Amino acid sequence: ESKSMAGVGVMFYVLLALRAELRARGIFDAATQPKLDPLLTLVALGTV
């Protein structure tokens, strides 16, 4: 739906999908997975 994402938003989404794939492969679970939300400071800057 969001056709207006900036390039930085697209890369952030790729990381979200990669983390889900690594969860599915058992590399980590919901409790042990790395937090990606700190990257949103950079996503916000690039988007604006």
ModelCIF file with pLDDT and N, C-alpha, C, O atoms, coordinates in Angstrom:
data_MODEL
#
_entry.id   MODEL 
#
_entity.id                         1 
_entity.type                       polymer 
_entity.pdbx_number_of_molecules   1 
#
_entity_poly.entity_id                      1 
_entity_poly.type                           'polypeptide(L)' 
_entity_poly.nstd_linkage                   no 
_entity_poly.nstd_monomer                   no 
_entity_poly.pdbx_seq_one_letter_code       ESKSMAGVGVMFYVLLALRAELRARGIFDAATQPKLDPLLTLVALGTV 
_entity_poly.pdbx_seq_one_letter_code_can   ESKSMAGVGVMFYVLLALRAELRARGIFDAATQPKLDPLLTLVALGTV 
_entity_poly.pdbx_strand_id                 A 
#
loop_
_entity_poly_seq.entity_id 
_entity_poly_seq.num 
_entity_poly_seq.mon_id 
_entity_poly_seq.hetero 
1 1  GLU n 
1 2  SER n 
1 3  LYS n 
1 4  SER n 
1 5  MET n 
1 6  ALA n 
1 7  GLY n 
1 8  VAL n 
1 9  GLY n 
1 10 VAL n 
1 11 MET n 
1 12 PHE n 
1 13 TYR n 
1 14 VAL n 
1 15 LEU n 
1 16 LEU n 
1 17 ALA n 
1 18 LEU n 
1 19 ARG n 
1 20 ALA n 
1 21 GLU n 
1 22 LEU n 
1 23 ARG n 
1 24 ALA n 
1 25 ARG n 
1 26 GLY n 
1 27 ILE n 
1 28 PHE n 
1 29 ASP n 
1 30 ALA n 
1 31 ALA n 
1 32 THR n 
1 33 GLN n 
1 34 PRO n 
1 35 LYS n 
1 36 LEU n 
1 37 ASP n 
1 38 PRO n 
1 39 LEU n 
1 40 LEU n 
1 41 THR n 
1 42 LEU n 
1 43 VAL n 
1 44 ALA n 
1 45 LEU n 
1 46 GLY n 
1 47 THR n 
1 48 VAL n 
#
_struct_asym.id          A 
_struct_asym.entity_id   1 
#
loop_
_ma_qa_metric.id 
_ma_qa_metric.mode 
_ma_qa_metric.name 
_ma_qa_metric.software_group_id 
_ma_qa_metric.type 
1 global pLDDT . pLDDT 
2 local  pLDDT . pLDDT 
#
_ma_qa_metric_global.metric_id      1 
_ma_qa_metric_global.metric_value   97.25 
_ma_qa_metric_global.model_id       1 
_ma_qa_metric_global.ordinal_id     1 
#
loop_
_ma_qa_metric_local.label_asym_id 
_ma_qa_metric_local.label_comp_id 
_ma_qa_metric_local.label_seq_id 
_ma_qa_metric_local.metric_id 
_ma_qa_metric_local.metric_value 
_ma_qa_metric_local.model_id 
_ma_qa_metric_local.ordinal_id 
A GLU 1  2 97.00 1 1  
A SER 2  2 97.00 1 2  
A LYS 3  2 96.00 1 3  
A SER 4  2 95.00 1 4  
A MET 5  2 97.00 1 5  
A ALA 6  2 97.00 1 6  
A GLY 7  2 98.00 1 7  
A VAL 8  2 98.00 1 8  
A GLY 9  2 98.00 1 9  
A VAL 10 2 98.00 1 10 
A MET 11 2 98.00 1 11 
A PHE 12 2 98.00 1 12 
A TYR 13 2 98.00 1 13 
A VAL 14 2 98.00 1 14 
A LEU 15 2 98.00 1 15 
A LEU 16 2 98.00 1 16 
A ALA 17 2 98.00 1 17 
A LEU 18 2 98.00 1 18 
A ARG 19 2 98.00 1 19 
A ALA 20 2 98.00 1 20 
A GLU 21 2 98.00 1 21 
A LEU 22 2 98.00 1 22 
A ARG 23 2 98.00 1 23 
A ALA 24 2 98.00 1 24 
A ARG 25 2 97.00 1 25 
A GLY 26 2 97.00 1 26 
A ILE 27 2 97.00 1 27 
A PHE 28 2 95.00 1 28 
A ASP 29 2 95.00 1 29 
A ALA 30 2 92.00 1 30 
A ALA 31 2 95.00 1 31 
A THR 32 2 96.00 1 32 
A GLN 33 2 97.00 1 33 
A PRO 34 2 97.00 1 34 
A LYS 35 2 97.00 1 35 
A LEU 36 2 98.00 1 36 
A ASP 37 2 96.00 1 37 
A PRO 38 2 97.00 1 38 
A LEU 39 2 98.00 1 39 
A LEU 40 2 98.00 1 40 
A THR 41 2 98.00 1 41 
A LEU 42 2 98.00 1 42 
A VAL 43 2 98.00 1 43 
A ALA 44 2 98.00 1 44 
A LEU 45 2 98.00 1 45 
A GLY 46 2 98.00 1 46 
A THR 47 2 98.00 1 47 
A VAL 48 2 97.00 1 48 
#
loop_
_atom_site.group_PDB 
_atom_site.id 
_atom_site.type_symbol 
_atom_site.label_atom_id 
_atom_site.label_alt_id 
_atom_site.label_comp_id 
_atom_site.label_asym_id 
_atom_site.label_entity_id 
_atom_site.label_seq_id 
_atom_site.pdbx_PDB_ins_code 
_atom_site.Cartn_x 
_atom_site.Cartn_y 
_atom_site.Cartn_z 
_atom_site.occupancy 
_atom_site.B_iso_or_equiv 
_atom_site.pdbx_formal_charge 
_atom_site.auth_seq_id 
_atom_site.auth_comp_id 
_atom_site.auth_asym_id 
_atom_site.auth_atom_id 
_atom_site.pdbx_PDB_model_num 
ATOM 1   N N  . GLU A 1 1  ? 0.805  -1.230  0.000  1.00 97.00 ? 1  GLU A N  1 
ATOM 2   C CA . GLU A 1 1  ? 0.000  0.000   0.000  1.00 97.00 ? 1  GLU A CA 1 
ATOM 3   C C  . GLU A 1 1  ? 0.830  1.269   0.000  1.00 97.00 ? 1  GLU A C  1 
ATOM 4   O O  . GLU A 1 1  ? 0.447  2.254   -0.630 1.00 97.00 ? 1  GLU A O  1 
ATOM 5   N N  . SER A 1 2  ? 1.950  1.264   0.689  1.00 97.00 ? 2  SER A N  1 
ATOM 6   C CA . SER A 1 2  ? 2.745  2.495   0.803  1.00 97.00 ? 2  SER A CA 1 
ATOM 7   C C  . SER A 1 2  ? 3.696  2.615   -0.386 1.00 97.00 ? 2  SER A C  1 
ATOM 8   O O  . SER A 1 2  ? 4.827  2.131   -0.350 1.00 97.00 ? 2  SER A O  1 
ATOM 9   N N  . LYS A 1 3  ? 3.215  3.265   -1.429 1.00 96.00 ? 3  LYS A N  1 
ATOM 10  C CA . LYS A 1 3  ? 4.045  3.463   -2.626 1.00 96.00 ? 3  LYS A CA 1 
ATOM 11  C C  . LYS A 1 3  ? 5.064  4.582   -2.406 1.00 96.00 ? 3  LYS A C  1 
ATOM 12  O O  . LYS A 1 3  ? 5.946  4.800   -3.237 1.00 96.00 ? 3  LYS A O  1 
ATOM 13  N N  . SER A 1 4  ? 4.935  5.283   -1.287 1.00 95.00 ? 4  SER A N  1 
ATOM 14  C CA . SER A 1 4  ? 5.761  6.477   -1.054 1.00 95.00 ? 4  SER A CA 1 
ATOM 15  C C  . SER A 1 4  ? 6.962  6.222   -0.159 1.00 95.00 ? 4  SER A C  1 
ATOM 16  O O  . SER A 1 4  ? 7.644  7.169   0.232  1.00 95.00 ? 4  SER A O  1 
ATOM 17  N N  . MET A 1 5  ? 7.238  4.973   0.175  1.00 97.00 ? 5  MET A N  1 
ATOM 18  C CA . MET A 1 5  ? 8.401  4.716   1.033  1.00 97.00 ? 5  MET A CA 1 
ATOM 19  C C  . MET A 1 5  ? 9.677  5.239   0.399  1.00 97.00 ? 5  MET A C  1 
ATOM 20  O O  . MET A 1 5  ? 9.867  5.134   -0.813 1.00 97.00 ? 5  MET A O  1 
ATOM 21  N N  . ALA A 1 6  ? 10.545 5.797   1.216  1.00 97.00 ? 6  ALA A N  1 
ATOM 22  C CA . ALA A 1 6  ? 11.868 6.210   0.745  1.00 97.00 ? 6  ALA A CA 1 
ATOM 23  C C  . ALA A 1 6  ? 12.759 4.968   0.625  1.00 97.00 ? 6  ALA A C  1 
ATOM 24  O O  . ALA A 1 6  ? 12.392 3.885   1.079  1.00 97.00 ? 6  ALA A O  1 
ATOM 25  N N  . GLY A 1 7  ? 13.918 5.139   0.015  1.00 98.00 ? 7  GLY A N  1 
ATOM 26  C CA . GLY A 1 7  ? 14.848 4.017   -0.121 1.00 98.00 ? 7  GLY A CA 1 
ATOM 27  C C  . GLY A 1 7  ? 15.242 3.431   1.216  1.00 98.00 ? 7  GLY A C  1 
ATOM 28  O O  . GLY A 1 7  ? 15.416 2.218   1.336  1.00 98.00 ? 7  GLY A O  1 
ATOM 29  N N  . VAL A 1 8  ? 15.385 4.287   2.234  1.00 98.00 ? 8  VAL A N  1 
ATOM 30  C CA . VAL A 1 8  ? 15.783 3.814   3.562  1.00 98.00 ? 8  VAL A CA 1 
ATOM 31  C C  . VAL A 1 8  ? 14.671 2.968   4.178  1.00 98.00 ? 8  VAL A C  1 
ATOM 32  O O  . VAL A 1 8  ? 14.952 2.006   4.893  1.00 98.00 ? 8  VAL A O  1 
ATOM 33  N N  . GLY A 1 9  ? 13.406 3.319   3.906  1.00 98.00 ? 9  GLY A N  1 
ATOM 34  C CA . GLY A 1 9  ? 12.291 2.522   4.398  1.00 98.00 ? 9  GLY A CA 1 
ATOM 35  C C  . GLY A 1 9  ? 12.258 1.148   3.759  1.00 98.00 ? 9  GLY A C  1 
ATOM 36  O O  . GLY A 1 9  ? 11.972 0.154   4.426  1.00 98.00 ? 9  GLY A O  1 
ATOM 37  N N  . VAL A 1 10 ? 12.553 1.088   2.457  1.00 98.00 ? 10 VAL A N  1 
ATOM 38  C CA . VAL A 1 10 ? 12.585 -0.193  1.746  1.00 98.00 ? 10 VAL A CA 1 
ATOM 39  C C  . VAL A 1 10 ? 13.662 -1.101  2.349  1.00 98.00 ? 10 VAL A C  1 
ATOM 40  O O  . VAL A 1 10 ? 13.422 -2.289  2.568  1.00 98.00 ? 10 VAL A O  1 
ATOM 41  N N  . MET A 1 11 ? 14.845 -0.544  2.616  1.00 98.00 ? 11 MET A N  1 
ATOM 42  C CA . MET A 1 11 ? 15.922 -1.357  3.199  1.00 98.00 ? 11 MET A CA 1 
ATOM 43  C C  . MET A 1 11 ? 15.544 -1.840  4.590  1.00 98.00 ? 11 MET A C  1 
ATOM 44  O O  . MET A 1 11 ? 15.852 -2.975  4.956  1.00 98.00 ? 11 MET A O  1 
ATOM 45  N N  . PHE A 1 12 ? 14.880 -0.994  5.368  1.00 98.00 ? 12 PHE A N  1 
ATOM 46  C CA . PHE A 1 12 ? 14.436 -1.399  6.708  1.00 98.00 ? 12 PHE A CA 1 
ATOM 47  C C  . PHE A 1 12 ? 13.463 -2.572  6.600  1.00 98.00 ? 12 PHE A C  1 
ATOM 48  O O  . PHE A 1 12 ? 13.535 -3.517  7.385  1.00 98.00 ? 12 PHE A O  1 
ATOM 49  N N  . TYR A 1 13 ? 12.563 -2.510  5.635  1.00 98.00 ? 13 TYR A N  1 
ATOM 50  C CA . TYR A 1 13 ? 11.609 -3.602  5.443  1.00 98.00 ? 13 TYR A CA 1 
ATOM 51  C C  . TYR A 1 13 ? 12.300 -4.899  5.022  1.00 98.00 ? 13 TYR A C  1 
ATOM 52  O O  . TYR A 1 13 ? 11.900 -5.982  5.449  1.00 98.00 ? 13 TYR A O  1 
ATOM 53  N N  . VAL A 1 14 ? 13.325 -4.792  4.194  1.00 98.00 ? 14 VAL A N  1 
ATOM 54  C CA . VAL A 1 14 ? 14.097 -5.992  3.811  1.00 98.00 ? 14 VAL A CA 1 
ATOM 55  C C  . VAL A 1 14 ? 14.703 -6.645  5.060  1.00 98.00 ? 14 VAL A C  1 
ATOM 56  O O  . VAL A 1 14 ? 14.730 -7.870  5.179  1.00 98.00 ? 14 VAL A O  1 
ATOM 57  N N  . LEU A 1 15 ? 15.186 -5.815  5.983  1.00 98.00 ? 15 LEU A N  1 
ATOM 58  C CA . LEU A 1 15 ? 15.755 -6.351  7.226  1.00 98.00 ? 15 LEU A CA 1 
ATOM 59  C C  . LEU A 1 15 ? 14.687 -7.030  8.085  1.00 98.00 ? 15 LEU A C  1 
ATOM 60  O O  . LEU A 1 15 ? 14.949 -8.059  8.707  1.00 98.00 ? 15 LEU A O  1 
ATOM 61  N N  . LEU A 1 16 ? 13.477 -6.448  8.119  1.00 98.00 ? 16 LEU A N  1 
ATOM 62  C CA . LEU A 1 16 ? 12.385 -7.086  8.860  1.00 98.00 ? 16 LEU A CA 1 
ATOM 63  C C  . LEU A 1 16 ? 12.084 -8.467  8.286  1.00 98.00 ? 16 LEU A C  1 
ATOM 64  O O  . LEU A 1 16 ? 11.890 -9.428  9.030  1.00 98.00 ? 16 LEU A O  1 
ATOM 65  N N  . ALA A 1 17 ? 12.047 -8.560  6.957  1.00 98.00 ? 17 ALA A N  1 
ATOM 66  C CA . ALA A 1 17 ? 11.777 -9.858  6.306  1.00 98.00 ? 17 ALA A CA 1 
ATOM 67  C C  . ALA A 1 17 ? 12.920 -10.835 6.540  1.00 98.00 ? 17 ALA A C  1 
ATOM 68  O O  . ALA A 1 17 ? 12.686 -12.026 6.746  1.00 98.00 ? 17 ALA A O  1 
ATOM 69  N N  . LEU A 1 18 ? 14.151 -10.341 6.510  1.00 98.00 ? 18 LEU A N  1 
ATOM 70  C CA . LEU A 1 18 ? 15.315 -11.205 6.751  1.00 98.00 ? 18 LEU A CA 1 
ATOM 71  C C  . LEU A 1 18 ? 15.275 -11.755 8.177  1.00 98.00 ? 18 LEU A C  1 
ATOM 72  O O  . LEU A 1 18 ? 15.555 -12.932 8.404  1.00 98.00 ? 18 LEU A O  1 
ATOM 73  N N  . ARG A 1 19 ? 14.926 -10.899 9.131  1.00 98.00 ? 19 ARG A N  1 
ATOM 74  C CA . ARG A 1 19 ? 14.848 -11.363 10.516 1.00 98.00 ? 19 ARG A CA 1 
ATOM 75  C C  . ARG A 1 19 ? 13.788 -12.457 10.655 1.00 98.00 ? 19 ARG A C  1 
ATOM 76  O O  . ARG A 1 19 ? 14.002 -13.443 11.360 1.00 98.00 ? 19 ARG A O  1 
ATOM 77  N N  . ALA A 1 20 ? 12.643 -12.282 9.983  1.00 98.00 ? 20 ALA A N  1 
ATOM 78  C CA . ALA A 1 20 ? 11.594 -13.307 10.013 1.00 98.00 ? 20 ALA A CA 1 
ATOM 79  C C  . ALA A 1 20 ? 12.084 -14.609 9.397  1.00 98.00 ? 20 ALA A C  1 
ATOM 80  O O  . ALA A 1 20 ? 11.777 -15.691 9.895  1.00 98.00 ? 20 ALA A O  1 
ATOM 81  N N  . GLU A 1 21 ? 12.848 -14.505 8.312  1.00 98.00 ? 21 GLU A N  1 
ATOM 82  C CA . GLU A 1 21 ? 13.409 -15.704 7.661  1.00 98.00 ? 21 GLU A CA 1 
ATOM 83  C C  . GLU A 1 21 ? 14.395 -16.411 8.587  1.00 98.00 ? 21 GLU A C  1 
ATOM 84  O O  . GLU A 1 21 ? 14.403 -17.639 8.668  1.00 98.00 ? 21 GLU A O  1 
ATOM 85  N N  . LEU A 1 22 ? 15.224 -15.637 9.282  1.00 98.00 ? 22 LEU A N  1 
ATOM 86  C CA . LEU A 1 22 ? 16.199 -16.231 10.207 1.00 98.00 ? 22 LEU A CA 1 
ATOM 87  C C  . LEU A 1 22 ? 15.494 -16.866 11.406 1.00 98.00 ? 22 LEU A C  1 
ATOM 88  O O  . LEU A 1 22 ? 15.960 -17.871 11.943 1.00 98.00 ? 22 LEU A O  1 
ATOM 89  N N  . ARG A 1 23 ? 14.367 -16.277 11.823 1.00 98.00 ? 23 ARG A N  1 
ATOM 90  C CA . ARG A 1 23 ? 13.550 -16.894 12.883 1.00 98.00 ? 23 ARG A CA 1 
ATOM 91  C C  . ARG A 1 23 ? 13.020 -18.239 12.404 1.00 98.00 ? 23 ARG A C  1 
ATOM 92  O O  . ARG A 1 23 ? 13.070 -19.234 13.127 1.00 98.00 ? 23 ARG A O  1 
ATOM 93  N N  . ALA A 1 24 ? 12.511 -18.254 11.175 1.00 98.00 ? 24 ALA A N  1 
ATOM 94  C CA . ALA A 1 24 ? 11.954 -19.491 10.610 1.00 98.00 ? 24 ALA A CA 1 
ATOM 95  C C  . ALA A 1 24 ? 13.017 -20.571 10.497 1.00 98.00 ? 24 ALA A C  1 
ATOM 96  O O  . ALA A 1 24 ? 12.706 -21.761 10.556 1.00 98.00 ? 24 ALA A O  1 
ATOM 97  N N  . ARG A 1 25 ? 14.265 -20.164 10.336 1.00 97.00 ? 25 ARG A N  1 
ATOM 98  C CA . ARG A 1 25 ? 15.369 -21.136 10.221 1.00 97.00 ? 25 ARG A CA 1 
ATOM 99  C C  . ARG A 1 25 ? 15.918 -21.532 11.590 1.00 97.00 ? 25 ARG A C  1 
ATOM 100 O O  . ARG A 1 25 ? 16.834 -22.349 11.685 1.00 97.00 ? 25 ARG A O  1 
ATOM 101 N N  . GLY A 1 26 ? 15.351 -20.945 12.654 1.00 97.00 ? 26 GLY A N  1 
ATOM 102 C CA . GLY A 1 26 ? 15.775 -21.312 14.000 1.00 97.00 ? 26 GLY A CA 1 
ATOM 103 C C  . GLY A 1 26 ? 17.051 -20.641 14.468 1.00 97.00 ? 26 GLY A C  1 
ATOM 104 O O  . GLY A 1 26 ? 17.633 -21.053 15.472 1.00 97.00 ? 26 GLY A O  1 
ATOM 105 N N  . ILE A 1 27 ? 17.500 -19.608 13.753 1.00 97.00 ? 27 ILE A N  1 
ATOM 106 C CA . ILE A 1 27 ? 18.726 -18.897 14.156 1.00 97.00 ? 27 ILE A CA 1 
ATOM 107 C C  . ILE A 1 27 ? 18.485 -18.178 15.480 1.00 97.00 ? 27 ILE A C  1 
ATOM 108 O O  . ILE A 1 27 ? 19.369 -18.134 16.335 1.00 97.00 ? 27 ILE A O  1 
ATOM 109 N N  . PHE A 1 28 ? 17.291 -17.617 15.647 1.00 95.00 ? 28 PHE A N  1 
ATOM 110 C CA . PHE A 1 28 ? 16.862 -17.067 16.930 1.00 95.00 ? 28 PHE A CA 1 
ATOM 111 C C  . PHE A 1 28 ? 15.343 -17.094 16.971 1.00 95.00 ? 28 PHE A C  1 
ATOM 112 O O  . PHE A 1 28 ? 14.693 -17.353 15.959 1.00 95.00 ? 28 PHE A O  1 
ATOM 113 N N  . ASP A 1 29 ? 14.776 -16.825 18.147 1.00 95.00 ? 29 ASP A N  1 
ATOM 114 C CA . ASP A 1 29 ? 13.320 -16.804 18.282 1.00 95.00 ? 29 ASP A CA 1 
ATOM 115 C C  . ASP A 1 29 ? 12.876 -15.390 18.652 1.00 95.00 ? 29 ASP A C  1 
ATOM 116 O O  . ASP A 1 29 ? 13.687 -14.465 18.698 1.00 95.00 ? 29 ASP A O  1 
ATOM 117 N N  . ALA A 1 30 ? 11.585 -15.238 18.915 1.00 92.00 ? 30 ALA A N  1 
ATOM 118 C CA . ALA A 1 30 ? 11.040 -13.916 19.196 1.00 92.00 ? 30 ALA A CA 1 
ATOM 119 C C  . ALA A 1 30 ? 11.701 -13.264 20.401 1.00 92.00 ? 30 ALA A C  1 
ATOM 120 O O  . ALA A 1 30 ? 11.790 -12.039 20.478 1.00 92.00 ? 30 ALA A O  1 
ATOM 121 N N  . ALA A 1 31 ? 12.170 -14.096 21.355 1.00 95.00 ? 31 ALA A N  1 
ATOM 122 C CA . ALA A 1 31 ? 12.784 -13.549 22.572 1.00 95.00 ? 31 ALA A CA 1 
ATOM 123 C C  . ALA A 1 31 ? 14.241 -13.159 22.357 1.00 95.00 ? 31 ALA A C  1 
ATOM 124 O O  . ALA A 1 31 ? 14.735 -12.211 22.969 1.00 95.00 ? 31 ALA A O  1 
ATOM 125 N N  . THR A 1 32 ? 14.929 -13.899 21.482 1.00 96.00 ? 32 THR A N  1 
ATOM 126 C CA . THR A 1 32 ? 16.376 -13.672 21.328 1.00 96.00 ? 32 THR A CA 1 
ATOM 127 C C  . THR A 1 32 ? 16.736 -12.859 20.077 1.00 96.00 ? 32 THR A C  1 
ATOM 128 O O  . THR A 1 32 ? 17.896 -12.492 19.891 1.00 96.00 ? 32 THR A O  1 
ATOM 129 N N  . GLN A 1 33 ? 15.757 -12.579 19.229 1.00 97.00 ? 33 GLN A N  1 
ATOM 130 C CA . GLN A 1 33 ? 16.076 -11.875 17.981 1.00 97.00 ? 33 GLN A CA 1 
ATOM 131 C C  . GLN A 1 33 ? 16.558 -10.453 18.266 1.00 97.00 ? 33 GLN A C  1 
ATOM 132 O O  . GLN A 1 33 ? 16.116 -9.825  19.229 1.00 97.00 ? 33 GLN A O  1 
ATOM 133 N N  . PRO A 1 34 ? 17.464 -9.946  17.429 1.00 97.00 ? 34 PRO A N  1 
ATOM 134 C CA . PRO A 1 34 ? 17.951 -8.569  17.614 1.00 97.00 ? 34 PRO A CA 1 
ATOM 135 C C  . PRO A 1 34 ? 16.827 -7.559  17.383 1.00 97.00 ? 34 PRO A C  1 
ATOM 136 O O  . PRO A 1 34 ? 15.945 -7.779  16.553 1.00 97.00 ? 34 PRO A O  1 
ATOM 137 N N  . LYS A 1 35 ? 16.867 -6.468  18.113 1.00 97.00 ? 35 LYS A N  1 
ATOM 138 C CA . LYS A 1 35 ? 15.890 -5.389  17.917 1.00 97.00 ? 35 LYS A CA 1 
ATOM 139 C C  . LYS A 1 35 ? 16.330 -4.528  16.734 1.00 97.00 ? 35 LYS A C  1 
ATOM 140 O O  . LYS A 1 35 ? 17.466 -4.056  16.686 1.00 97.00 ? 35 LYS A O  1 
ATOM 141 N N  . LEU A 1 36 ? 15.428 -4.331  15.790 1.00 98.00 ? 36 LEU A N  1 
ATOM 142 C CA . LEU A 1 36 ? 15.725 -3.482  14.634 1.00 98.00 ? 36 LEU A CA 1 
ATOM 143 C C  . LEU A 1 36 ? 15.160 -2.072  14.794 1.00 98.00 ? 36 LEU A C  1 
ATOM 144 O O  . LEU A 1 36 ? 15.528 -1.166  14.046 1.00 98.00 ? 36 LEU A O  1 
ATOM 145 N N  . ASP A 1 37 ? 14.250 -1.883  15.785 1.00 96.00 ? 37 ASP A N  1 
ATOM 146 C CA . ASP A 1 37 ? 13.607 -0.566  15.888 1.00 96.00 ? 37 ASP A CA 1 
ATOM 147 C C  . ASP A 1 37 ? 14.562 0.587   16.192 1.00 96.00 ? 37 ASP A C  1 
ATOM 148 O O  . ASP A 1 37 ? 14.227 1.724   15.861 1.00 96.00 ? 37 ASP A O  1 
ATOM 149 N N  . PRO A 1 38 ? 15.756 0.364   16.814 1.00 97.00 ? 38 PRO A N  1 
ATOM 150 C CA . PRO A 1 38 ? 16.674 1.512   16.947 1.00 97.00 ? 38 PRO A CA 1 
ATOM 151 C C  . PRO A 1 38 ? 17.076 2.123   15.600 1.00 97.00 ? 38 PRO A C  1 
ATOM 152 O O  . PRO A 1 38 ? 17.468 3.289   15.538 1.00 97.00 ? 38 PRO A O  1 
ATOM 153 N N  . LEU A 1 39 ? 16.978 1.328   14.515 1.00 98.00 ? 39 LEU A N  1 
ATOM 154 C CA . LEU A 1 39 ? 17.330 1.836   13.189 1.00 98.00 ? 39 LEU A CA 1 
ATOM 155 C C  . LEU A 1 39 ? 16.319 2.869   12.687 1.00 98.00 ? 39 LEU A C  1 
ATOM 156 O O  . LEU A 1 39 ? 16.581 3.576   11.714 1.00 98.00 ? 39 LEU A O  1 
ATOM 157 N N  . LEU A 1 40 ? 15.164 2.955   13.354 1.00 98.00 ? 40 LEU A N  1 
ATOM 158 C CA . LEU A 1 40 ? 14.122 3.875   12.895 1.00 98.00 ? 40 LEU A CA 1 
ATOM 159 C C  . LEU A 1 40 ? 14.526 5.346   13.018 1.00 98.00 ? 40 LEU A C  1 
ATOM 160 O O  . LEU A 1 40 ? 13.925 6.203   12.371 1.00 98.00 ? 40 LEU A O  1 
ATOM 161 N N  . THR A 1 41 ? 15.537 5.648   13.840 1.00 98.00 ? 41 THR A N  1 
ATOM 162 C CA . THR A 1 41 ? 16.042 7.032   13.870 1.00 98.00 ? 41 THR A CA 1 
ATOM 163 C C  . THR A 1 41 ? 16.588 7.415   12.497 1.00 98.00 ? 41 THR A C  1 
ATOM 164 O O  . THR A 1 41 ? 16.358 8.522   12.009 1.00 98.00 ? 41 THR A O  1 
ATOM 165 N N  . LEU A 1 42 ? 17.315 6.482   11.884 1.00 98.00 ? 42 LEU A N  1 
ATOM 166 C CA . LEU A 1 42 ? 17.879 6.741   10.555 1.00 98.00 ? 42 LEU A CA 1 
ATOM 167 C C  . LEU A 1 42 ? 16.800 6.685   9.476  1.00 98.00 ? 42 LEU A C  1 
ATOM 168 O O  . LEU A 1 42 ? 16.838 7.448   8.510  1.00 98.00 ? 42 LEU A O  1 
ATOM 169 N N  . VAL A 1 43 ? 15.831 5.768   9.649  1.00 98.00 ? 43 VAL A N  1 
ATOM 170 C CA . VAL A 1 43 ? 14.718 5.686   8.694  1.00 98.00 ? 43 VAL A CA 1 
ATOM 171 C C  . VAL A 1 43 ? 13.947 7.000   8.686  1.00 98.00 ? 43 VAL A C  1 
ATOM 172 O O  . VAL A 1 43 ? 13.580 7.505   7.625  1.00 98.00 ? 43 VAL A O  1 
ATOM 173 N N  . ALA A 1 44 ? 13.702 7.551   9.873  1.00 98.00 ? 44 ALA A N  1 
ATOM 174 C CA . ALA A 1 44 ? 12.958 8.817   9.980  1.00 98.00 ? 44 ALA A CA 1 
ATOM 175 C C  . ALA A 1 44 ? 13.705 9.944   9.294  1.00 98.00 ? 44 ALA A C  1 
ATOM 176 O O  . ALA A 1 44 ? 13.116 10.721  8.542  1.00 98.00 ? 44 ALA A O  1 
ATOM 177 N N  . LEU A 1 45 ? 14.997 10.034  9.549  1.00 98.00 ? 45 LEU A N  1 
ATOM 178 C CA . LEU A 1 45 ? 15.821 11.096  8.953  1.00 98.00 ? 45 LEU A CA 1 
ATOM 179 C C  . LEU A 1 45 ? 15.804 11.007  7.426  1.00 98.00 ? 45 LEU A C  1 
ATOM 180 O O  . LEU A 1 45 ? 15.556 12.007  6.752  1.00 98.00 ? 45 LEU A O  1 
ATOM 181 N N  . GLY A 1 46 ? 16.065 9.826   6.879  1.00 98.00 ? 46 GLY A N  1 
ATOM 182 C CA . GLY A 1 46 ? 16.118 9.663   5.426  1.00 98.00 ? 46 GLY A CA 1 
ATOM 183 C C  . GLY A 1 46 ? 14.775 9.881   4.756  1.00 98.00 ? 46 GLY A C  1 
ATOM 184 O O  . GLY A 1 46 ? 14.700 10.434  3.659  1.00 98.00 ? 46 GLY A O  1 
ATOM 185 N N  . THR A 1 47 ? 13.704 9.441   5.427  1.00 98.00 ? 47 THR A N  1 
ATOM 186 C CA . THR A 1 47 ? 12.357 9.585   4.863  1.00 98.00 ? 47 THR A CA 1 
ATOM 187 C C  . THR A 1 47 ? 11.968 11.048  4.727  1.00 98.00 ? 47 THR A C  1 
ATOM 188 O O  . THR A 1 47 ? 11.471 11.469  3.682  1.00 98.00 ? 47 THR A O  1 
ATOM 189 N N  . VAL A 1 48 ? 12.194 11.827  5.786  1.00 97.00 ? 48 VAL A N  1 
ATOM 190 C CA . VAL A 1 48 ? 11.835 13.257  5.742  1.00 97.00 ? 48 VAL A CA 1 
ATOM 191 C C  . VAL A 1 48 ? 12.751 14.009  4.776  1.00 97.00 ? 48 VAL A C  1 
ATOM 192 O O  . VAL A 1 48 ? 12.605 15.220  4.604  1.00 97.00 ? 48 VAL A O  1 
#
